[in-house]
Each structure stands twice: as C-alpha cells, then as structure tokens.
PDB file of N, CA and C in Angstrom:
ATOM      1  N   MET A   1     -60.344  49.359 -11.258  1.00  0.00           N
ATOM      2  CA  MET A   1     -59.520  49.902 -12.459  1.00  0.00           C
ATOM      3  C   MET A   1     -58.265  50.489 -12.019  1.00  0.00           C
ATOM      4  N   PRO A   2     -57.164  50.154 -12.797  1.00  0.00           N
ATOM      5  CA  PRO A   2     -55.947  50.586 -12.342  1.00  0.00           C
ATOM      6  C   PRO A   2     -55.703  52.056 -12.784  1.00  0.00           C
ATOM      7  N   ASN A   3     -54.788  52.603 -12.005  1.00  0.00           N
ATOM      8  CA  ASN A   3     -54.405  54.125 -12.253  1.00  0.00           C
ATOM      9  C   ASN A   3     -53.235  54.012 -13.214  1.00  0.00           C
ATOM     10  N   TYR A   4     -53.426  54.726 -14.344  1.00  0.00           N
ATOM     11  CA  TYR A   4     -52.403  54.801 -15.356  1.00  0.00           C
ATOM     12  C   TYR A   4     -51.656  56.075 -15.356  1.00  0.00           C
ATOM     13  N   GLY A   5     -51.286  56.569 -14.169  1.00  0.00           N
ATOM     14  CA  GLY A   5     -50.526  57.778 -13.995  1.00  0.00           C
ATOM     15  C   GLY A   5     -51.338  59.105 -14.054  1.00  0.00           C
ATOM     16  N   GLY A   6     -52.561  59.023 -13.708  1.00  0.00           N
ATOM     17  CA  GLY A   6     -53.377  60.152 -13.645  1.00  0.00           C
ATOM     18  C   GLY A   6     -53.358  60.875 -12.349  1.00  0.00           C
ATOM     19  N   PHE A   7     -52.860  60.392 -11.279  1.00  0.00           N
ATOM     20  CA  PHE A   7     -52.858  60.925  -9.893  1.00  0.00           C
ATOM     21  C   PHE A   7     -51.421  61.033  -9.436  1.00  0.00           C
ATOM     22  N   SER A   8     -51.009  62.191  -8.962  1.00  0.00           N
ATOM     23  CA  SER A   8     -49.790  62.301  -8.487  1.00  0.00           C
ATOM     24  C   SER A   8     -49.862  63.097  -7.052  1.00  0.00           C
ATOM     25  N   TRP A   9     -49.122  62.455  -6.145  1.00  0.00           N
ATOM     26  CA  TRP A   9     -49.070  63.170  -4.654  1.00  0.00           C
ATOM     27  C   TRP A   9     -48.224  64.421  -4.844  1.00  0.00           C
ATOM     28  N   LYS A  10     -47.333  64.504  -5.571  1.00  0.00           N
ATOM     29  CA  LYS A  10     -46.450  65.705  -5.664  1.00  0.00           C
ATOM     30  C   LYS A  10     -47.279  66.860  -6.245  1.00  0.00           C
ATOM     31  N   ARG A  11     -48.190  66.571  -7.197  1.00  0.00           N
ATOM     32  CA  ARG A  11     -48.969  67.702  -7.722  1.00  0.00           C
ATOM     33  C   ARG A  11     -50.011  68.101  -6.592  1.00  0.00           C
ATOM     34  N   LEU A  12     -50.541  67.083  -5.921  1.00  0.00           N
ATOM     35  CA  LEU A  12     -51.492  67.339  -4.958  1.00  0.00           C
ATOM     36  C   LEU A  12     -50.966  68.276  -3.887  1.00  0.00           C
ATOM     37  N   LEU A  13     -49.771  67.904  -3.401  1.00  0.00           N
ATOM     38  CA  LEU A  13     -49.066  68.646  -2.294  1.00  0.00           C
ATOM     39  C   LEU A  13     -48.392  69.972  -2.863  1.00  0.00           C
ATOM     40  N   GLY A  14     -48.386  70.188  -4.080  1.00  0.00           N
ATOM     41  CA  GLY A  14     -47.740  71.444  -4.553  1.00  0.00           C
ATOM     42  C   GLY A  14     -46.245  71.379  -4.904  1.00  0.00           C
ATOM     43  N   VAL A  15     -45.719  70.294  -4.749  1.00  0.00           N
ATOM     44  CA  VAL A  15     -44.297  70.161  -4.985  1.00  0.00           C
ATOM     45  C   VAL A  15     -43.985  70.701  -6.404  1.00  0.00           C
ATOM     46  N   SER A  16     -44.587  70.092  -7.362  1.00  0.00           N
ATOM     47  CA  SER A  16     -44.401  70.525  -8.875  1.00  0.00           C
ATOM     48  C   SER A  16     -44.519  71.914  -9.056  1.00  0.00           C
ATOM     49  N   ALA A  17     -45.537  72.698  -8.570  1.00  0.00           N
ATOM     50  CA  ALA A  17     -45.586  74.017  -8.701  1.00  0.00           C
ATOM     51  C   ALA A  17     -44.537  74.869  -8.016  1.00  0.00           C
ATOM     52  N   ALA A  18     -44.082  74.291  -6.908  1.00  0.00           N
ATOM     53  CA  ALA A  18     -43.006  74.932  -6.108  1.00  0.00           C
ATOM     54  C   ALA A  18     -41.537  74.870  -7.069  1.00  0.00           C
ATOM     55  N   LYS A  19     -41.398  73.710  -7.613  1.00  0.00           N
ATOM     56  CA  LYS A  19     -40.225  73.566  -8.386  1.00  0.00           C
ATOM     57  C   LYS A  19     -40.265  74.462  -9.613  1.00  0.00           C
ATOM     58  N   SER A  20     -41.499  74.626 -10.208  1.00  0.00           N
ATOM     59  CA  SER A  20     -41.690  75.502 -11.358  1.00  0.00           C
ATOM     60  C   SER A  20     -41.364  76.944 -11.064  1.00  0.00           C
ATOM     61  N   ARG A  21     -41.888  77.364  -9.887  1.00  0.00           N
ATOM     62  CA  ARG A  21     -41.717  78.752  -9.432  1.00  0.00           C
ATOM     63  C   ARG A  21     -40.222  79.017  -9.201  1.00  0.00           C
ATOM     64  N   ILE A  22     -39.607  77.983  -8.474  1.00  0.00           N
ATOM     65  CA  ILE A  22     -38.179  78.276  -8.226  1.00  0.00           C
ATOM     66  C   ILE A  22     -37.301  78.333  -9.527  1.00  0.00           C
ATOM     67  N   SER A  23     -37.605  77.491 -10.439  1.00  0.00           N
ATOM     68  CA  SER A  23     -36.856  77.487 -11.696  1.00  0.00           C
ATOM     69  C   SER A  23     -37.147  78.778 -12.450  1.00  0.00           C
ATOM     70  N   ARG A  24     -38.338  79.276 -12.497  1.00  0.00           N
ATOM     71  CA  ARG A  24     -38.570  80.488 -13.203  1.00  0.00           C
ATOM     72  C   ARG A  24     -37.982  81.740 -12.429  1.00  0.00           C
ATOM     73  N   ALA A  25     -38.006  81.764 -11.236  1.00  0.00           N
ATOM     74  CA  ALA A  25     -37.388  82.902 -10.511  1.00  0.00           C
ATOM     75  C   ALA A  25     -35.928  82.831 -10.574  1.00  0.00           C
ATOM     76  N   THR A  26     -35.213  81.839 -10.697  1.00  0.00           N
ATOM     77  CA  THR A  26     -33.823  81.855 -10.596  1.00  0.00           C
ATOM     78  C   THR A  26     -33.173  81.728 -12.003  1.00  0.00           C
ATOM     79  N   GLY A  27     -34.009  81.181 -12.861  1.00  0.00           N
ATOM     80  CA  GLY A  27     -33.578  80.976 -14.355  1.00  0.00           C
ATOM     81  C   GLY A  27     -32.742  79.699 -14.584  1.00  0.00           C
ATOM     82  N   ILE A  28     -32.653  78.874 -13.464  1.00  0.00           N
ATOM     83  CA  ILE A  28     -31.903  77.717 -13.554  1.00  0.00           C
ATOM     84  C   ILE A  28     -33.024  76.557 -13.467  1.00  0.00           C
ATOM     85  N   PRO A  29     -32.836  75.722 -14.527  1.00  0.00           N
ATOM     86  CA  PRO A  29     -33.756  74.567 -14.645  1.00  0.00           C
ATOM     87  C   PRO A  29     -33.618  73.534 -13.345  1.00  0.00           C
ATOM     88  N   TRP A  30     -34.671  72.955 -12.979  1.00  0.00           N
ATOM     89  CA  TRP A  30     -34.650  72.007 -11.919  1.00  0.00           C
ATOM     90  C   TRP A  30     -33.983  70.672 -12.056  1.00  0.00           C
ATOM     91  N   THR A  31     -34.348  70.202 -13.360  1.00  0.00           N
ATOM     92  CA  THR A  31     -34.064  68.823 -13.683  1.00  0.00           C
ATOM     93  C   THR A  31     -32.525  68.846 -14.183  1.00  0.00           C
ATOM     94  N   LYS A  32     -31.969  67.814 -14.138  1.00  0.00           N
ATOM     95  CA  LYS A  32     -30.548  67.554 -14.540  1.00  0.00           C
ATOM     96  C   LYS A  32     -30.549  67.802 -16.054  1.00  0.00           C
ATOM     97  N   SER A  33     -31.354  67.052 -16.859  1.00  0.00           N
ATOM     98  CA  SER A  33     -31.414  67.359 -18.244  1.00  0.00           C
ATOM     99  C   SER A  33     -31.548  68.778 -18.678  1.00  0.00           C
ATOM    100  N   GLY A  34     -32.393  69.506 -17.970  1.00  0.00           N
ATOM    101  CA  GLY A  34     -32.553  70.928 -18.194  1.00  0.00           C
ATOM    102  C   GLY A  34     -31.428  71.712 -18.028  1.00  0.00           C
ATOM    103  N   ARG A  35     -30.611  71.446 -16.906  1.00  0.00           N
ATOM    104  CA  ARG A  35     -29.440  72.139 -16.685  1.00  0.00           C
ATOM    105  C   ARG A  35     -28.433  71.869 -17.739  1.00  0.00           C
ATOM    106  N   GLN A  36     -28.246  70.604 -18.100  1.00  0.00           N
ATOM    107  CA  GLN A  36     -27.256  70.319 -19.165  1.00  0.00           C
ATOM    108  C   GLN A  36     -27.617  70.918 -20.428  1.00  0.00           C
ATOM    109  N   ARG A  37     -28.886  70.973 -20.839  1.00  0.00           N
ATOM    110  CA  ARG A  37     -29.357  71.627 -21.993  1.00  0.00           C
ATOM    111  C   ARG A  37     -29.033  73.124 -22.000  1.00  0.00           C
ATOM    112  N   LYS A  38     -29.245  73.745 -20.724  1.00  0.00           N
ATOM    113  CA  LYS A  38     -28.957  75.186 -20.734  1.00  0.00           C
ATOM    114  C   LYS A  38     -27.537  75.426 -20.882  1.00  0.00           C
ATOM    115  N   ILE A  39     -26.648  74.681 -20.245  1.00  0.00           N
ATOM    116  CA  ILE A  39     -25.154  74.877 -20.277  1.00  0.00           C
ATOM    117  C   ILE A  39     -24.692  74.492 -21.670  1.00  0.00           C
ATOM    118  N   GLY A  40     -25.190  73.534 -22.289  1.00  0.00           N
ATOM    119  CA  GLY A  40     -24.754  73.175 -23.637  1.00  0.00           C
ATOM    120  C   GLY A  40     -25.151  74.315 -24.611  1.00  0.00           C
ATOM    121  N   GLY A  41     -26.329  74.832 -24.462  1.00  0.00           N
ATOM    122  CA  GLY A  41     -26.717  75.993 -25.386  1.00  0.00           C
ATOM    123  C   GLY A  41     -25.822  77.304 -25.128  1.00  0.00           C
ATOM    124  N   MET A  42     -25.495  77.510 -23.898  1.00  0.00           N
ATOM    125  CA  MET A  42     -24.576  78.651 -23.513  1.00  0.00           C
ATOM    126  C   MET A  42     -23.181  78.334 -24.242  1.00  0.00           C
ATOM    127  N   CYS A  43     -22.683  77.225 -24.110  1.00  0.00           N
ATOM    128  CA  CYS A  43     -21.453  76.858 -24.652  1.00  0.00           C
ATOM    129  C   CYS A  43     -21.312  76.881 -26.035  1.00  0.00           C
ATOM    130  N   CYS A  44     -22.314  76.392 -26.769  1.00  0.00           N
ATOM    131  CA  CYS A  44     -22.336  76.479 -28.202  1.00  0.00           C
ATOM    132  C   CYS A  44     -22.562  77.812 -28.740  1.00  0.00           C
ATOM    133  N   GLY A  45     -23.329  78.671 -28.046  1.00  0.00           N
ATOM    134  CA  GLY A  45     -23.448  79.978 -28.403  1.00  0.00           C
ATOM    135  C   GLY A  45     -22.210  80.884 -28.388  1.00  0.00           C
ATOM    136  N   CYS A  46     -21.361  80.531 -27.353  1.00  0.00           N
ATOM    137  CA  CYS A  46     -20.159  81.165 -27.123  1.00  0.00           C
ATOM    138  C   CYS A  46     -18.981  80.575 -27.875  1.00  0.00           C
ATOM    139  N   ILE A  47     -18.939  79.358 -28.140  1.00  0.00           N
ATOM    140  CA  ILE A  47     -17.817  78.564 -28.748  1.00  0.00           C
ATOM    141  C   ILE A  47     -17.894  78.850 -30.322  1.00  0.00           C
ATOM    142  N   ILE A  48     -19.008  78.924 -30.881  1.00  0.00           N
ATOM    143  CA  ILE A  48     -19.066  78.985 -32.432  1.00  0.00           C
ATOM    144  C   ILE A  48     -18.432  80.227 -32.854  1.00  0.00           C
ATOM    145  N   PRO A  49     -18.727  81.510 -32.313  1.00  0.00           N
ATOM    146  CA  PRO A  49     -17.890  82.631 -32.758  1.00  0.00           C
ATOM    147  C   PRO A  49     -16.344  82.475 -32.669  1.00  0.00           C
ATOM    148  N   VAL A  50     -15.964  81.949 -31.524  1.00  0.00           N
ATOM    149  CA  VAL A  50     -14.617  81.708 -31.308  1.00  0.00           C
ATOM    150  C   VAL A  50     -13.863  80.758 -32.363  1.00  0.00           C
ATOM    151  N   ILE A  51     -14.621  79.730 -32.637  1.00  0.00           N
ATOM    152  CA  ILE A  51     -14.098  78.740 -33.723  1.00  0.00           C
ATOM    153  C   ILE A  51     -14.015  79.438 -34.997  1.00  0.00           C
ATOM    154  N   LEU A  52     -15.079  80.269 -35.373  1.00  0.00           N
ATOM    155  CA  LEU A  52     -15.118  80.986 -36.629  1.00  0.00           C
ATOM    156  C   LEU A  52     -13.915  82.003 -36.794  1.00  0.00           C
ATOM    157  N   ALA A  53     -13.689  82.659 -35.591  1.00  0.00           N
ATOM    158  CA  ALA A  53     -12.463  83.655 -35.449  1.00  0.00           C
ATOM    159  C   ALA A  53     -11.211  82.981 -35.712  1.00  0.00           C
ATOM    160  N   LEU A  54     -11.002  81.791 -35.088  1.00  0.00           N
ATOM    161  CA  LEU A  54      -9.915  81.040 -35.277  1.00  0.00           C
ATOM    162  C   LEU A  54      -9.607  80.559 -36.766  1.00  0.00           C
ATOM    163  N   VAL A  55     -10.704  80.052 -37.326  1.00  0.00           N
ATOM    164  CA  VAL A  55     -10.533  79.602 -38.618  1.00  0.00           C
ATOM    165  C   VAL A  55     -10.338  80.738 -39.551  1.00  0.00           C
ATOM    166  N   ALA A  56     -10.811  81.877 -39.439  1.00  0.00           N
ATOM    167  CA  ALA A  56     -10.640  83.035 -40.168  1.00  0.00           C
ATOM    168  C   ALA A  56      -9.058  83.471 -40.017  1.00  0.00           C
ATOM    169  N   GLY A  57      -8.645  83.409 -38.772  1.00  0.00           N
ATOM    170  CA  GLY A  57      -7.183  83.823 -38.391  1.00  0.00           C
ATOM    171  C   GLY A  57      -6.278  82.842 -39.197  1.00  0.00           C
ATOM    172  N   VAL A  58      -6.484  81.595 -39.154  1.00  0.00           N
ATOM    173  CA  VAL A  58      -5.648  80.592 -39.762  1.00  0.00           C
ATOM    174  C   VAL A  58      -5.737  80.819 -41.276  1.00  0.00           C
ATOM    175  N   ALA A  59      -6.865  81.027 -41.831  1.00  0.00           N
ATOM    176  CA  ALA A  59      -6.974  81.184 -43.263  1.00  0.00           C
ATOM    177  C   ALA A  59      -6.248  82.422 -43.703  1.00  0.00           C
ATOM    178  N   MET A  60      -6.250  83.550 -42.902  1.00  0.00           N
ATOM    179  CA  MET A  60      -5.522  84.780 -43.178  1.00  0.00           C
ATOM    180  C   MET A  60      -3.929  84.504 -43.103  1.00  0.00           C
ATOM    181  N   ALA A  61      -3.539  83.713 -42.158  1.00  0.00           N
ATOM    182  CA  ALA A  61      -2.120  83.283 -42.011  1.00  0.00           C
ATOM    183  C   ALA A  61      -1.649  82.460 -43.219  1.00  0.00           C
ATOM    184  N   VAL A  62      -2.411  81.592 -43.640  1.00  0.00           N
ATOM    185  CA  VAL A  62      -2.057  80.749 -44.731  1.00  0.00           C
ATOM    186  C   VAL A  62      -1.948  81.499 -46.077  1.00  0.00           C
ATOM    187  N   MET A  63      -2.837  82.490 -46.187  1.00  0.00           N
ATOM    188  CA  MET A  63      -2.930  83.337 -47.410  1.00  0.00           C
ATOM    189  C   MET A  63      -1.695  84.220 -47.583  1.00  0.00           C
ATOM    190  N   ARG A  64      -0.946  84.528 -46.392  1.00  0.00           N
ATOM    191  CA  ARG A  64       0.097  85.367 -46.477  1.00  0.00           C
ATOM    192  C   ARG A  64       1.391  84.683 -47.082  1.00  0.00           C
TER     193      ARG A  64
END
C-alpha cells in the first residue's frame, strides 16, 4: 500500500517542532511566504494612513 503523505522524517526528528518554536520565539515566520505576508501586512498598515493624510492634504489645498 503506497504512502500518501502520512509519514514525515522531519516530524519524526523534530525539525517541524523546532521551526515552530523558533518562529514563535522570534516573531518572524520561518517560511518565505509567511515573511512576505508579515511584511506586506506591516506596510499596508503603515501606508494607508499616510495615503489618507496625503489625500486630505491635497483636498484641502484644492479647496483653497
């Protein structure tokens, strides 16, 4: 009977758990996609208020 992904050497040796512990302790995701998602979320959270302030500033300048 073939193995359909039920066994993992990394899980057996504790590699997955070590990666999880490191990620939780540092707050930095281990995977590339996780790091990109975290950076993207930080940028969007920071950029949106800046864009709104710029739009408000331009709107005020146009109204004068």
